[in-house]
Amino acid sequence: MKISRTYNAWYAHLKNGTTKPWLLMALMSWGIALFEYLLQVPANRIGYQVYSLAQLKILQEVITLSVFIPFAIFYMKQPFQWNYVWAALCMVGAVYFMFRG
């Protein structure tokens, strides 16, 4: 299970790095992603002892949306959309079906 997603790495440069060389922004993004993956790999190994692969993937996507939506609204200043709510409800359904019995 991934503790955080790479959205900060992949998208934050759109706000603050548009005047910087793309190669610099790419290297910085990959540096952030590397740190996140250093957390993800052991978390997946630990989680796989308890959860199935499909359950781990659903948890990862729920965490992704839980991090990305506030990131998009508060940091990137994107307007709130009701699609975020509907997507979250779909994810709740996905979690239910993946973890039931």
C-alpha atoms as a PDB file:
ATOM      1  CA  MET A   1       0.000   0.000   0.000  1.00  0.00           C
ATOM      2  CA  LYS A   2       1.426   3.316  -0.986  1.00  0.00           C
ATOM      3  CA  ILE A   3       1.562   5.835   1.842  1.00  0.00           C
ATOM      4  CA  SER A   4       1.440   8.821  -0.482  1.00  0.00           C
ATOM      5  CA  ARG A   5       1.127   9.242  -4.197  1.00  0.00           C
ATOM      6  CA  THR A   6       3.406  10.831  -6.706  1.00  0.00           C
ATOM      7  CA  TYR A   7       0.848  13.479  -7.645  1.00  0.00           C
ATOM      8  CA  ASN A   8       2.812  16.094  -5.755  1.00  0.00           C
ATOM      9  CA  ALA A   9       5.830  15.104  -7.806  1.00  0.00           C
ATOM     10  CA  TRP A  10       3.988  14.896 -11.104  1.00  0.00           C
ATOM     11  CA  TYR A  11       1.749  17.949 -10.818  1.00  0.00           C
ATOM     12  CA  ALA A  12       3.243  20.483  -8.394  1.00  0.00           C
ATOM     13  CA  HIS A  13       5.652  21.697 -11.072  1.00  0.00           C
ATOM     14  CA  LEU A  14       2.646  22.941 -13.082  1.00  0.00           C
ATOM     15  CA  LYS A  15       2.123  25.623 -10.462  1.00  0.00           C
ATOM     16  CA  ASN A  16       5.660  26.598  -9.460  1.00  0.00           C
ATOM     17  CA  GLY A  17       7.999  25.258 -12.106  1.00  0.00           C
ATOM     18  CA  THR A  18       6.690  26.547 -15.407  1.00  0.00           C
ATOM     19  CA  THR A  19       9.592  28.961 -15.823  1.00  0.00           C
ATOM     20  CA  LYS A  20      12.248  26.407 -14.877  1.00  0.00           C
ATOM     21  CA  PRO A  21      13.812  23.987 -17.382  1.00  0.00           C
ATOM     22  CA  TRP A  22      11.700  20.876 -17.874  1.00  0.00           C
ATOM     23  CA  LEU A  23      14.699  18.615 -17.276  1.00  0.00           C
ATOM     24  CA  LEU A  24      15.222  20.136 -13.822  1.00  0.00           C
ATOM     25  CA  MET A  25      11.528  19.654 -13.017  1.00  0.00           C
ATOM     26  CA  ALA A  26      11.643  16.072 -14.297  1.00  0.00           C
ATOM     27  CA  LEU A  27      14.672  15.252 -12.126  1.00  0.00           C
ATOM     28  CA  MET A  28      13.054  16.839  -9.078  1.00  0.00           C
ATOM     29  CA  SER A  29       9.831  14.912  -9.717  1.00  0.00           C
ATOM     30  CA  TRP A  30      11.712  11.643 -10.061  1.00  0.00           C
ATOM     31  CA  GLY A  31      13.586  12.378  -6.838  1.00  0.00           C
ATOM     32  CA  ILE A  32      10.315  12.815  -4.983  1.00  0.00           C
ATOM     33  CA  ALA A  33       8.871   9.708  -6.630  1.00  0.00           C
ATOM     34  CA  LEU A  34      11.933   7.662  -5.687  1.00  0.00           C
ATOM     35  CA  PHE A  35      11.457   8.572  -2.027  1.00  0.00           C
ATOM     36  CA  GLU A  36       7.765   7.647  -2.233  1.00  0.00           C
ATOM     37  CA  TYR A  37       8.532   4.323  -3.887  1.00  0.00           C
ATOM     38  CA  LEU A  38      11.091   3.569  -1.182  1.00  0.00           C
ATOM     39  CA  LEU A  39       8.105   3.704   1.174  1.00  0.00           C
ATOM     40  CA  GLN A  40       5.698   1.918  -1.155  1.00  0.00           C
ATOM     41  CA  VAL A  41       7.702  -1.243  -1.778  1.00  0.00           C
ATOM     42  CA  PRO A  42       8.074  -2.278   1.874  1.00  0.00           C
ATOM     43  CA  ALA A  43       4.470  -1.241   2.571  1.00  0.00           C
ATOM     44  CA  ASN A  44       3.255  -3.501  -0.251  1.00  0.00           C
ATOM     45  CA  ARG A  45       5.378  -6.385   1.007  1.00  0.00           C
ATOM     46  CA  ILE A  46       3.948  -6.024   4.507  1.00  0.00           C
ATOM     47  CA  GLY A  47       0.413  -5.490   3.254  1.00  0.00           C
ATOM     48  CA  TYR A  48       0.520  -8.502   0.938  1.00  0.00           C
ATOM     49  CA  GLN A  49       0.889 -10.725   3.999  1.00  0.00           C
ATOM     50  CA  VAL A  50      -2.603  -9.603   5.085  1.00  0.00           C
ATOM     51  CA  TYR A  51      -4.433  -8.438   1.944  1.00  0.00           C
ATOM     52  CA  SER A  52      -4.850  -9.789  -1.562  1.00  0.00           C
ATOM     53  CA  LEU A  53      -3.255  -8.023  -4.505  1.00  0.00           C
ATOM     54  CA  ALA A  54      -6.635  -6.625  -5.583  1.00  0.00           C
ATOM     55  CA  GLN A  55      -7.319  -5.321  -2.074  1.00  0.00           C
ATOM     56  CA  LEU A  56      -3.938  -3.599  -1.997  1.00  0.00           C
ATOM     57  CA  LYS A  57      -4.691  -1.950  -5.339  1.00  0.00           C
ATOM     58  CA  ILE A  58      -8.088  -0.644  -4.173  1.00  0.00           C
ATOM     59  CA  LEU A  59      -6.487   0.730  -0.997  1.00  0.00           C
ATOM     60  CA  GLN A  60      -3.833   2.435  -3.121  1.00  0.00           C
ATOM     61  CA  GLU A  61      -6.487   4.102  -5.284  1.00  0.00           C
ATOM     62  CA  VAL A  62      -8.492   5.253  -2.256  1.00  0.00           C
ATOM     63  CA  ILE A  63      -5.350   6.771  -0.763  1.00  0.00           C
ATOM     64  CA  THR A  64      -4.583   8.352  -4.132  1.00  0.00           C
ATOM     65  CA  LEU A  65      -7.936  10.137  -4.297  1.00  0.00           C
ATOM     66  CA  SER A  66      -7.768  11.054  -0.613  1.00  0.00           C
ATOM     67  CA  VAL A  67      -4.457  12.825  -1.219  1.00  0.00           C
ATOM     68  CA  PHE A  68      -5.041  14.128  -4.732  1.00  0.00           C
ATOM     69  CA  ILE A  69      -8.387  15.860  -4.244  1.00  0.00           C
ATOM     70  CA  PRO A  70      -7.232  18.112  -1.357  1.00  0.00           C
ATOM     71  CA  PHE A  71      -3.968  18.674  -3.270  1.00  0.00           C
ATOM     72  CA  ALA A  72      -5.896  19.765  -6.362  1.00  0.00           C
ATOM     73  CA  ILE A  73      -8.283  22.030  -4.442  1.00  0.00           C
ATOM     74  CA  PHE A  74      -6.012  23.619  -1.847  1.00  0.00           C
ATOM     75  CA  TYR A  75      -2.566  23.642  -3.463  1.00  0.00           C
ATOM     76  CA  MET A  76      -3.350  23.788  -7.173  1.00  0.00           C
ATOM     77  CA  LYS A  77      -6.403  26.024  -6.538  1.00  0.00           C
ATOM     78  CA  GLN A  78      -8.673  23.918  -8.748  1.00  0.00           C
ATOM     79  CA  PRO A  79     -12.392  24.507  -8.202  1.00  0.00           C
ATOM     80  CA  PHE A  80     -14.362  21.893  -6.285  1.00  0.00           C
ATOM     81  CA  GLN A  81     -16.347  19.589  -8.551  1.00  0.00           C
ATOM     82  CA  TRP A  82     -19.165  17.269  -7.597  1.00  0.00           C
ATOM     83  CA  ASN A  83     -17.409  14.626  -9.692  1.00  0.00           C
ATOM     84  CA  TYR A  84     -14.968  14.314  -6.788  1.00  0.00           C
ATOM     85  CA  VAL A  85     -17.822  13.287  -4.506  1.00  0.00           C
ATOM     86  CA  TRP A  86     -19.245  10.801  -7.014  1.00  0.00           C
ATOM     87  CA  ALA A  87     -15.792   9.315  -7.602  1.00  0.00           C
ATOM     88  CA  ALA A  88     -15.311   8.962  -3.837  1.00  0.00           C
ATOM     89  CA  LEU A  89     -18.662   7.183  -3.524  1.00  0.00           C
ATOM     90  CA  CYS A  90     -17.666   4.810  -6.318  1.00  0.00           C
ATOM     91  CA  MET A  91     -14.444   4.093  -4.442  1.00  0.00           C
ATOM     92  CA  VAL A  92     -16.415   3.352  -1.268  1.00  0.00           C
ATOM     93  CA  GLY A  93     -18.403   0.836  -3.305  1.00  0.00           C
ATOM     94  CA  ALA A  94     -15.196  -0.636  -4.712  1.00  0.00           C
ATOM     95  CA  VAL A  95     -13.764  -1.035  -1.223  1.00  0.00           C
ATOM     96  CA  TYR A  96     -16.978  -2.700  -0.053  1.00  0.00           C
ATOM     97  CA  PHE A  97     -17.002  -5.226  -2.890  1.00  0.00           C
ATOM     98  CA  MET A  98     -13.275  -5.931  -2.661  1.00  0.00           C
ATOM     99  CA  PHE A  99     -13.297  -6.548   1.106  1.00  0.00           C
ATOM    100  CA  ARG A 100     -16.632  -8.277   1.631  1.00  0.00           C
ATOM    101  CA  GLY A 101     -16.504 -11.849   2.800  1.00  0.00           C
END
